Amino acid sequence: MAQLLQPPPPIEIKVGDDDSRQRLQFRLWQLFATTLTIMAAVWFSTFGTGPAILAWVIAKHILVAILMIGLHRYPHYKGESEPKA
């Protein structure tokens, strides 16, 4: 008979563990890598048609790889439900 009431719920504590800084650093790295790739492709384009075509084909593959890394790096944000695999 001593336990008629439920215990109070635990106190909700807000913490900053959503990796905002790491996410920002990664997005800045993505932007830097993309800019560097495009600048290299533009530079190779000044050498003529053959090197330009080859440079843009390689740049396209690099840009897609950078995009795919970014899509899987942070699949969900804090508070969102887990993505269903």
PDB file of N, CA and C in Angstrom:
ATOM      1  N   MET A   1       0.797  -1.193   0.000  1.00  0.00           N
ATOM      2  CA  MET A   1       0.000   0.000   0.000  1.00  0.00           C
ATOM      3  C   MET A   1       0.847   1.269   0.000  1.00  0.00           C
ATOM      4  N   ALA A   2       2.139   1.122   0.146  1.00  0.00           N
ATOM      5  CA  ALA A   2       2.996   2.295   0.216  1.00  0.00           C
ATOM      6  C   ALA A   2       3.219   2.905  -1.165  1.00  0.00           C
ATOM      7  N   GLN A   3       3.023   2.144  -2.261  1.00  0.00           N
ATOM      8  CA  GLN A   3       3.302   2.638  -3.604  1.00  0.00           C
ATOM      9  C   GLN A   3       2.006   2.806  -4.392  1.00  0.00           C
ATOM     10  N   LEU A   4       1.201   3.741  -4.067  1.00  0.00           N
ATOM     11  CA  LEU A   4      -0.047   3.985  -4.780  1.00  0.00           C
ATOM     12  C   LEU A   4       0.151   4.872  -5.999  1.00  0.00           C
ATOM     13  N   LEU A   5       1.128   5.757  -5.982  1.00  0.00           N
ATOM     14  CA  LEU A   5       1.383   6.665  -7.093  1.00  0.00           C
ATOM     15  C   LEU A   5       2.601   6.204  -7.880  1.00  0.00           C
ATOM     16  N   GLN A   6       2.562   6.469  -9.192  1.00  0.00           N
ATOM     17  CA  GLN A   6       3.713   6.157 -10.028  1.00  0.00           C
ATOM     18  C   GLN A   6       4.814   7.172  -9.751  1.00  0.00           C
ATOM     19  N   PRO A   7       6.052   6.769  -9.944  1.00  0.00           N
ATOM     20  CA  PRO A   7       7.132   7.732  -9.745  1.00  0.00           C
ATOM     21  C   PRO A   7       7.058   8.813 -10.827  1.00  0.00           C
ATOM     22  N   PRO A   8       7.562  10.004 -10.546  1.00  0.00           N
ATOM     23  CA  PRO A   8       7.528  11.076 -11.553  1.00  0.00           C
ATOM     24  C   PRO A   8       8.413  10.708 -12.739  1.00  0.00           C
ATOM     25  N   PRO A   9       8.056  11.178 -13.943  1.00  0.00           N
ATOM     26  CA  PRO A   9       8.896  10.886 -15.109  1.00  0.00           C
ATOM     27  C   PRO A   9      10.260  11.550 -14.974  1.00  0.00           C
ATOM     28  N   PRO A  10      11.269  10.988 -15.615  1.00  0.00           N
ATOM     29  CA  PRO A  10      12.604  11.592 -15.509  1.00  0.00           C
ATOM     30  C   PRO A  10      12.620  12.984 -16.154  1.00  0.00           C
ATOM     31  N   ILE A  11      13.506  13.821 -15.670  1.00  0.00           N
ATOM     32  CA  ILE A  11      13.631  15.184 -16.180  1.00  0.00           C
ATOM     33  C   ILE A  11      14.241  15.129 -17.572  1.00  0.00           C
ATOM     34  N   GLU A  12      13.643  15.847 -18.523  1.00  0.00           N
ATOM     35  CA  GLU A  12      14.145  15.868 -19.897  1.00  0.00           C
ATOM     36  C   GLU A  12      15.306  16.849 -19.982  1.00  0.00           C
ATOM     37  N   ILE A  13      16.434  16.365 -20.464  1.00  0.00           N
ATOM     38  CA  ILE A  13      17.634  17.184 -20.558  1.00  0.00           C
ATOM     39  C   ILE A  13      17.964  17.366 -22.033  1.00  0.00           C
ATOM     40  N   LYS A  14      18.173  18.585 -22.432  1.00  0.00           N
ATOM     41  CA  LYS A  14      18.536  18.890 -23.817  1.00  0.00           C
ATOM     42  C   LYS A  14      20.055  18.916 -23.930  1.00  0.00           C
ATOM     43  N   VAL A  15      20.567  18.159 -24.885  1.00  0.00           N
ATOM     44  CA  VAL A  15      22.004  18.153 -25.134  1.00  0.00           C
ATOM     45  C   VAL A  15      22.236  18.394 -26.622  1.00  0.00           C
ATOM     46  N   GLY A  16      23.381  18.917 -26.939  1.00  0.00           N
ATOM     47  CA  GLY A  16      23.715  19.198 -28.333  1.00  0.00           C
ATOM     48  C   GLY A  16      24.513  18.064 -28.941  1.00  0.00           C
ATOM     49  N   ASP A  17      23.907  16.921 -29.129  1.00  0.00           N
ATOM     50  CA  ASP A  17      24.636  15.779 -29.684  1.00  0.00           C
ATOM     51  C   ASP A  17      24.173  15.438 -31.093  1.00  0.00           C
ATOM     52  N   ASP A  18      23.758  16.449 -31.845  1.00  0.00           N
ATOM     53  CA  ASP A  18      23.274  16.178 -33.198  1.00  0.00           C
ATOM     54  C   ASP A  18      24.362  16.325 -34.255  1.00  0.00           C
ATOM     55  N   ASP A  19      25.613  16.449 -33.840  1.00  0.00           N
ATOM     56  CA  ASP A  19      26.762  16.517 -34.746  1.00  0.00           C
ATOM     57  C   ASP A  19      26.664  17.665 -35.744  1.00  0.00           C
ATOM     58  N   SER A  20      26.175  18.805 -35.300  1.00  0.00           N
ATOM     59  CA  SER A  20      26.037  19.944 -36.209  1.00  0.00           C
ATOM     60  C   SER A  20      27.378  20.388 -36.775  1.00  0.00           C
ATOM     61  N   ARG A  21      28.404  20.418 -35.944  1.00  0.00           N
ATOM     62  CA  ARG A  21      29.711  20.878 -36.413  1.00  0.00           C
ATOM     63  C   ARG A  21      30.323  19.883 -37.402  1.00  0.00           C
ATOM     64  N   GLN A  22      30.205  18.593 -37.108  1.00  0.00           N
ATOM     65  CA  GLN A  22      30.745  17.595 -38.034  1.00  0.00           C
ATOM     66  C   GLN A  22      29.995  17.620 -39.359  1.00  0.00           C
ATOM     67  N   ARG A  23      28.682  17.827 -39.299  1.00  0.00           N
ATOM     68  CA  ARG A  23      27.894  17.906 -40.522  1.00  0.00           C
ATOM     69  C   ARG A  23      28.323  19.116 -41.345  1.00  0.00           C
ATOM     70  N   LEU A  24      28.545  20.256 -40.687  1.00  0.00           N
ATOM     71  CA  LEU A  24      28.993  21.460 -41.383  1.00  0.00           C
ATOM     72  C   LEU A  24      30.361  21.244 -42.013  1.00  0.00           C
ATOM     73  N   GLN A  25      31.285  20.651 -41.253  1.00  0.00           N
ATOM     74  CA  GLN A  25      32.616  20.404 -41.802  1.00  0.00           C
ATOM     75  C   GLN A  25      32.560  19.467 -43.000  1.00  0.00           C
ATOM     76  N   PHE A  26      31.697  18.456 -42.946  1.00  0.00           N
ATOM     77  CA  PHE A  26      31.589  17.539 -44.069  1.00  0.00           C
ATOM     78  C   PHE A  26      31.010  18.239 -45.289  1.00  0.00           C
ATOM     79  N   ARG A  27      29.973  19.069 -45.092  1.00  0.00           N
ATOM     80  CA  ARG A  27      29.371  19.780 -46.225  1.00  0.00           C
ATOM     81  C   ARG A  27      30.352  20.779 -46.825  1.00  0.00           C
ATOM     82  N   LEU A  28      31.173  21.419 -45.978  1.00  0.00           N
ATOM     83  CA  LEU A  28      32.196  22.314 -46.512  1.00  0.00           C
ATOM     84  C   LEU A  28      33.253  21.538 -47.285  1.00  0.00           C
ATOM     85  N   TRP A  29      33.601  20.346 -46.816  1.00  0.00           N
ATOM     86  CA  TRP A  29      34.538  19.499 -47.563  1.00  0.00           C
ATOM     87  C   TRP A  29      33.943  19.119 -48.913  1.00  0.00           C
ATOM     88  N   GLN A  30      32.651  18.783 -48.928  1.00  0.00           N
ATOM     89  CA  GLN A  30      31.984  18.456 -50.187  1.00  0.00           C
ATOM     90  C   GLN A  30      32.042  19.632 -51.159  1.00  0.00           C
ATOM     91  N   LEU A  31      31.760  20.819 -50.661  1.00  0.00           N
ATOM     92  CA  LEU A  31      31.794  22.012 -51.501  1.00  0.00           C
ATOM     93  C   LEU A  31      33.200  22.260 -52.031  1.00  0.00           C
ATOM     94  N   PHE A  32      34.204  22.104 -51.181  1.00  0.00           N
ATOM     95  CA  PHE A  32      35.592  22.302 -51.604  1.00  0.00           C
ATOM     96  C   PHE A  32      35.995  21.279 -52.663  1.00  0.00           C
ATOM     97  N   ALA A  33      35.664  20.017 -52.444  1.00  0.00           N
ATOM     98  CA  ALA A  33      36.032  18.972 -53.401  1.00  0.00           C
ATOM     99  C   ALA A  33      35.324  19.185 -54.744  1.00  0.00           C
ATOM    100  N   THR A  34      34.070  19.605 -54.696  1.00  0.00           N
ATOM    101  CA  THR A  34      33.331  19.870 -55.928  1.00  0.00           C
ATOM    102  C   THR A  34      33.943  21.041 -56.689  1.00  0.00           C
ATOM    103  N   THR A  35      34.268  22.118 -55.973  1.00  0.00           N
ATOM    104  CA  THR A  35      34.874  23.293 -56.611  1.00  0.00           C
ATOM    105  C   THR A  35      36.221  22.945 -57.223  1.00  0.00           C
ATOM    106  N   LEU A  36      37.014  22.180 -56.495  1.00  0.00           N
ATOM    107  CA  LEU A  36      38.318  21.775 -57.000  1.00  0.00           C
ATOM    108  C   LEU A  36      38.187  20.906 -58.251  1.00  0.00           C
ATOM    109  N   THR A  37      37.228  19.999 -58.268  1.00  0.00           N
ATOM    110  CA  THR A  37      37.014  19.125 -59.418  1.00  0.00           C
ATOM    111  C   THR A  37      36.598  19.927 -60.646  1.00  0.00           C
ATOM    112  N   ILE A  38      35.682  20.857 -60.462  1.00  0.00           N
ATOM    113  CA  ILE A  38      35.223  21.661 -61.602  1.00  0.00           C
ATOM    114  C   ILE A  38      36.347  22.567 -62.114  1.00  0.00           C
ATOM    115  N   MET A  39      37.112  23.144 -61.195  1.00  0.00           N
ATOM    116  CA  MET A  39      38.225  23.995 -61.632  1.00  0.00           C
ATOM    117  C   MET A  39      39.271  23.202 -62.406  1.00  0.00           C
ATOM    118  N   ALA A  40      39.550  21.984 -61.976  1.00  0.00           N
ATOM    119  CA  ALA A  40      40.510  21.142 -62.700  1.00  0.00           C
ATOM    120  C   ALA A  40      39.975  20.785 -64.082  1.00  0.00           C
ATOM    121  N   ALA A  41      38.679  20.489 -64.186  1.00  0.00           N
ATOM    122  CA  ALA A  41      38.099  20.160 -65.480  1.00  0.00           C
ATOM    123  C   ALA A  41      38.130  21.363 -66.420  1.00  0.00           C
ATOM    124  N   VAL A  42      37.863  22.543 -65.893  1.00  0.00           N
ATOM    125  CA  VAL A  42      37.924  23.758 -66.716  1.00  0.00           C
ATOM    126  C   VAL A  42      39.353  24.001 -67.184  1.00  0.00           C
ATOM    127  N   TRP A  43      40.322  23.779 -66.309  1.00  0.00           N
ATOM    128  CA  TRP A  43      41.717  23.981 -66.692  1.00  0.00           C
ATOM    129  C   TRP A  43      42.143  23.015 -67.800  1.00  0.00           C
ATOM    130  N   PHE A  44      41.740  21.744 -67.671  1.00  0.00           N
ATOM    131  CA  PHE A  44      42.067  20.783 -68.712  1.00  0.00           C
ATOM    132  C   PHE A  44      41.336  21.082 -70.011  1.00  0.00           C
ATOM    133  N   SER A  45      40.214  21.782 -69.923  1.00  0.00           N
ATOM    134  CA  SER A  45      39.466  22.133 -71.131  1.00  0.00           C
ATOM    135  C   SER A  45      40.219  23.140 -71.992  1.00  0.00           C
ATOM    136  N   THR A  46      41.168  23.845 -71.423  1.00  0.00           N
ATOM    137  CA  THR A  46      41.936  24.826 -72.198  1.00  0.00           C
ATOM    138  C   THR A  46      42.973  24.158 -73.102  1.00  0.00           C
ATOM    139  N   PHE A  47      43.211  22.857 -72.937  1.00  0.00           N
ATOM    140  CA  PHE A  47      44.223  22.169 -73.737  1.00  0.00           C
ATOM    141  C   PHE A  47      43.700  21.656 -75.064  1.00  0.00           C
ATOM    142  N   GLY A  48      42.400  21.726 -75.295  1.00  0.00           N
ATOM    143  CA  GLY A  48      41.855  21.256 -76.563  1.00  0.00           C
ATOM    144  C   GLY A  48      40.641  20.365 -76.346  1.00  0.00           C
ATOM    145  N   THR A  49      40.124  19.864 -77.469  1.00  0.00           N
ATOM    146  CA  THR A  49      38.885  19.084 -77.426  1.00  0.00           C
ATOM    147  C   THR A  49      39.062  17.722 -76.752  1.00  0.00           C
ATOM    148  N   GLY A  50      40.107  17.005 -77.098  1.00  0.00           N
ATOM    149  CA  GLY A  50      40.328  15.669 -76.531  1.00  0.00           C
ATOM    150  C   GLY A  50      40.492  15.684 -75.019  1.00  0.00           C
ATOM    151  N   PRO A  51      41.423  16.486 -74.520  1.00  0.00           N
ATOM    152  CA  PRO A  51      41.558  16.561 -73.065  1.00  0.00           C
ATOM    153  C   PRO A  51      40.310  17.107 -72.362  1.00  0.00           C
ATOM    154  N   ALA A  52      39.577  17.991 -73.044  1.00  0.00           N
ATOM    155  CA  ALA A  52      38.361  18.543 -72.441  1.00  0.00           C
ATOM    156  C   ALA A  52      37.305  17.463 -72.256  1.00  0.00           C
ATOM    157  N   ILE A  53      37.106  16.647 -73.259  1.00  0.00           N
ATOM    158  CA  ILE A  53      36.112  15.577 -73.155  1.00  0.00           C
ATOM    159  C   ILE A  53      36.510  14.597 -72.055  1.00  0.00           C
ATOM    160  N   LEU A  54      37.772  14.210 -72.049  1.00  0.00           N
ATOM    161  CA  LEU A  54      38.251  13.287 -71.026  1.00  0.00           C
ATOM    162  C   LEU A  54      38.137  13.898 -69.626  1.00  0.00           C
ATOM    163  N   ALA A  55      38.466  15.172 -69.489  1.00  0.00           N
ATOM    164  CA  ALA A  55      38.400  15.838 -68.184  1.00  0.00           C
ATOM    165  C   ALA A  55      36.970  15.896 -67.670  1.00  0.00           C
ATOM    166  N   TRP A  56      36.008  16.206 -68.537  1.00  0.00           N
ATOM    167  CA  TRP A  56      34.615  16.313 -68.073  1.00  0.00           C
ATOM    168  C   TRP A  56      34.003  14.950 -67.783  1.00  0.00           C
ATOM    169  N   VAL A  57      34.428  13.918 -68.495  1.00  0.00           N
ATOM    170  CA  VAL A  57      33.939  12.567 -68.180  1.00  0.00           C
ATOM    171  C   VAL A  57      34.453  12.131 -66.809  1.00  0.00           C
ATOM    172  N   ILE A  58      35.718  12.375 -66.545  1.00  0.00           N
ATOM    173  CA  ILE A  58      36.287  12.020 -65.241  1.00  0.00           C
ATOM    174  C   ILE A  58      35.672  12.884 -64.140  1.00  0.00           C
ATOM    175  N   ALA A  59      35.487  14.175 -64.419  1.00  0.00           N
ATOM    176  CA  ALA A  59      34.897  15.074 -63.420  1.00  0.00           C
ATOM    177  C   ALA A  59      33.477  14.641 -63.069  1.00  0.00           C
ATOM    178  N   LYS A  60      32.721  14.188 -64.065  1.00  0.00           N
ATOM    179  CA  LYS A  60      31.360  13.730 -63.796  1.00  0.00           C
ATOM    180  C   LYS A  60      31.374  12.553 -62.836  1.00  0.00           C
ATOM    181  N   HIS A  61      32.286  11.619 -63.044  1.00  0.00           N
ATOM    182  CA  HIS A  61      32.367  10.464 -62.154  1.00  0.00           C
ATOM    183  C   HIS A  61      32.787  10.869 -60.739  1.00  0.00           C
ATOM    184  N   ILE A  62      33.703  11.799 -60.639  1.00  0.00           N
ATOM    185  CA  ILE A  62      34.137  12.269 -59.320  1.00  0.00           C
ATOM    186  C   ILE A  62      32.995  12.985 -58.605  1.00  0.00           C
ATOM    187  N   LEU A  63      32.244  13.824 -59.335  1.00  0.00           N
ATOM    188  CA  LEU A  63      31.137  14.557 -58.724  1.00  0.00           C
ATOM    189  C   LEU A  63      30.031  13.614 -58.257  1.00  0.00           C
ATOM    190  N   VAL A  64      29.758  12.575 -59.011  1.00  0.00           N
ATOM    191  CA  VAL A  64      28.759  11.590 -58.587  1.00  0.00           C
ATOM    192  C   VAL A  64      29.241  10.856 -57.336  1.00  0.00           C
ATOM    193  N   ALA A  65      30.530  10.553 -57.268  1.00  0.00           N
ATOM    194  CA  ALA A  65      31.077   9.892 -56.079  1.00  0.00           C
ATOM    195  C   ALA A  65      30.961  10.795 -54.848  1.00  0.00           C
ATOM    196  N   ILE A  66      31.237  12.086 -55.014  1.00  0.00           N
ATOM    197  CA  ILE A  66      31.097  13.030 -53.898  1.00  0.00           C
ATOM    198  C   ILE A  66      29.639  13.093 -53.448  1.00  0.00           C
ATOM    199  N   LEU A  67      28.723  13.120 -54.407  1.00  0.00           N
ATOM    200  CA  LEU A  67      27.298  13.140 -54.063  1.00  0.00           C
ATOM    201  C   LEU A  67      26.883  11.875 -53.320  1.00  0.00           C
ATOM    202  N   MET A  68      27.321  10.720 -53.779  1.00  0.00           N
ATOM    203  CA  MET A  68      26.935   9.461 -53.137  1.00  0.00           C
ATOM    204  C   MET A  68      27.505   9.356 -51.723  1.00  0.00           C
ATOM    205  N   ILE A  69      28.698   9.864 -51.508  1.00  0.00           N
ATOM    206  CA  ILE A  69      29.251   9.881 -50.156  1.00  0.00           C
ATOM    207  C   ILE A  69      28.365  10.730 -49.252  1.00  0.00           C
ATOM    208  N   GLY A  70      27.920  11.871 -49.749  1.00  0.00           N
ATOM    209  CA  GLY A  70      27.084  12.764 -48.964  1.00  0.00           C
ATOM    210  C   GLY A  70      25.708  12.212 -48.680  1.00  0.00           C
ATOM    211  N   LEU A  71      25.165  11.411 -49.587  1.00  0.00           N
ATOM    212  CA  LEU A  71      23.830  10.855 -49.370  1.00  0.00           C
ATOM    213  C   LEU A  71      23.821   9.816 -48.263  1.00  0.00           C
ATOM    214  N   HIS A  72      24.928   9.099 -48.086  1.00  0.00           N
ATOM    215  CA  HIS A  72      24.967   8.032 -47.093  1.00  0.00           C
ATOM    216  C   HIS A  72      25.684   8.430 -45.810  1.00  0.00           C
ATOM    217  N   ARG A  73      26.255   9.614 -45.786  1.00  0.00           N
ATOM    218  CA  ARG A  73      27.007  10.028 -44.601  1.00  0.00           C
ATOM    219  C   ARG A  73      26.084  10.336 -43.425  1.00  0.00           C
ATOM    220  N   TYR A  74      25.024  11.081 -43.673  1.00  0.00           N
ATOM    221  CA  TYR A  74      24.065  11.451 -42.640  1.00  0.00           C
ATOM    222  C   TYR A  74      22.667  11.061 -43.115  1.00  0.00           C
ATOM    223  N   PRO A  75      22.274   9.803 -42.924  1.00  0.00           N
ATOM    224  CA  PRO A  75      20.986   9.355 -43.472  1.00  0.00           C
ATOM    225  C   PRO A  75      19.775   9.937 -42.773  1.00  0.00           C
ATOM    226  N   HIS A  76      19.901  10.398 -41.529  1.00  0.00           N
ATOM    227  CA  HIS A  76      18.760  10.985 -40.830  1.00  0.00           C
ATOM    228  C   HIS A  76      19.259  11.995 -39.799  1.00  0.00           C
ATOM    229  N   TYR A  77      18.384  12.893 -39.432  1.00  0.00           N
ATOM    230  CA  TYR A  77      18.705  13.897 -38.433  1.00  0.00           C
ATOM    231  C   TYR A  77      18.142  13.507 -37.086  1.00  0.00           C
ATOM    232  N   LYS A  78      18.609  14.168 -36.030  1.00  0.00           N
ATOM    233  CA  LYS A  78      18.139  13.889 -34.684  1.00  0.00           C
ATOM    234  C   LYS A  78      16.639  14.171 -34.604  1.00  0.00           C
ATOM    235  N   GLY A  79      15.902  13.247 -34.031  1.00  0.00           N
ATOM    236  CA  GLY A  79      14.468  13.418 -33.893  1.00  0.00           C
ATOM    237  C   GLY A  79      13.667  12.797 -35.020  1.00  0.00           C
ATOM    238  N   GLU A  80      14.329  12.456 -36.127  1.00  0.00           N
ATOM    239  CA  GLU A  80      13.624  11.812 -37.234  1.00  0.00           C
ATOM    240  C   GLU A  80      13.640  10.308 -37.021  1.00  0.00           C
ATOM    241  N   SER A  81      12.697   9.645 -37.634  1.00  0.00           N
ATOM    242  CA  SER A  81      12.648   8.195 -37.515  1.00  0.00           C
ATOM    243  C   SER A  81      13.753   7.562 -38.349  1.00  0.00           C
ATOM    244  N   GLU A  82      14.140   6.378 -37.989  1.00  0.00           N
ATOM    245  CA  GLU A  82      15.186   5.660 -38.711  1.00  0.00           C
ATOM    246  C   GLU A  82      14.709   5.329 -40.125  1.00  0.00           C
ATOM    247  N   PRO A  83      15.573   5.466 -41.141  1.00  0.00           N
ATOM    248  CA  PRO A  83      15.172   5.082 -42.489  1.00  0.00           C
ATOM    249  C   PRO A  83      14.989   3.579 -42.581  1.00  0.00           C
ATOM    250  N   LYS A  84      13.972   3.148 -43.264  1.00  0.00           N
ATOM    251  CA  LYS A  84      13.697   1.717 -43.400  1.00  0.00           C
ATOM    252  C   LYS A  84      14.557   1.138 -44.521  1.00  0.00           C
ATOM    253  N   ALA A  85      15.315   0.117 -44.196  1.00  0.00           N
ATOM    254  CA  ALA A  85      16.216  -0.488 -45.181  1.00  0.00           C
ATOM    255  C   ALA A  85      15.526  -1.580 -45.955  1.00  0.00           C
TER     256      ALA A  85
END
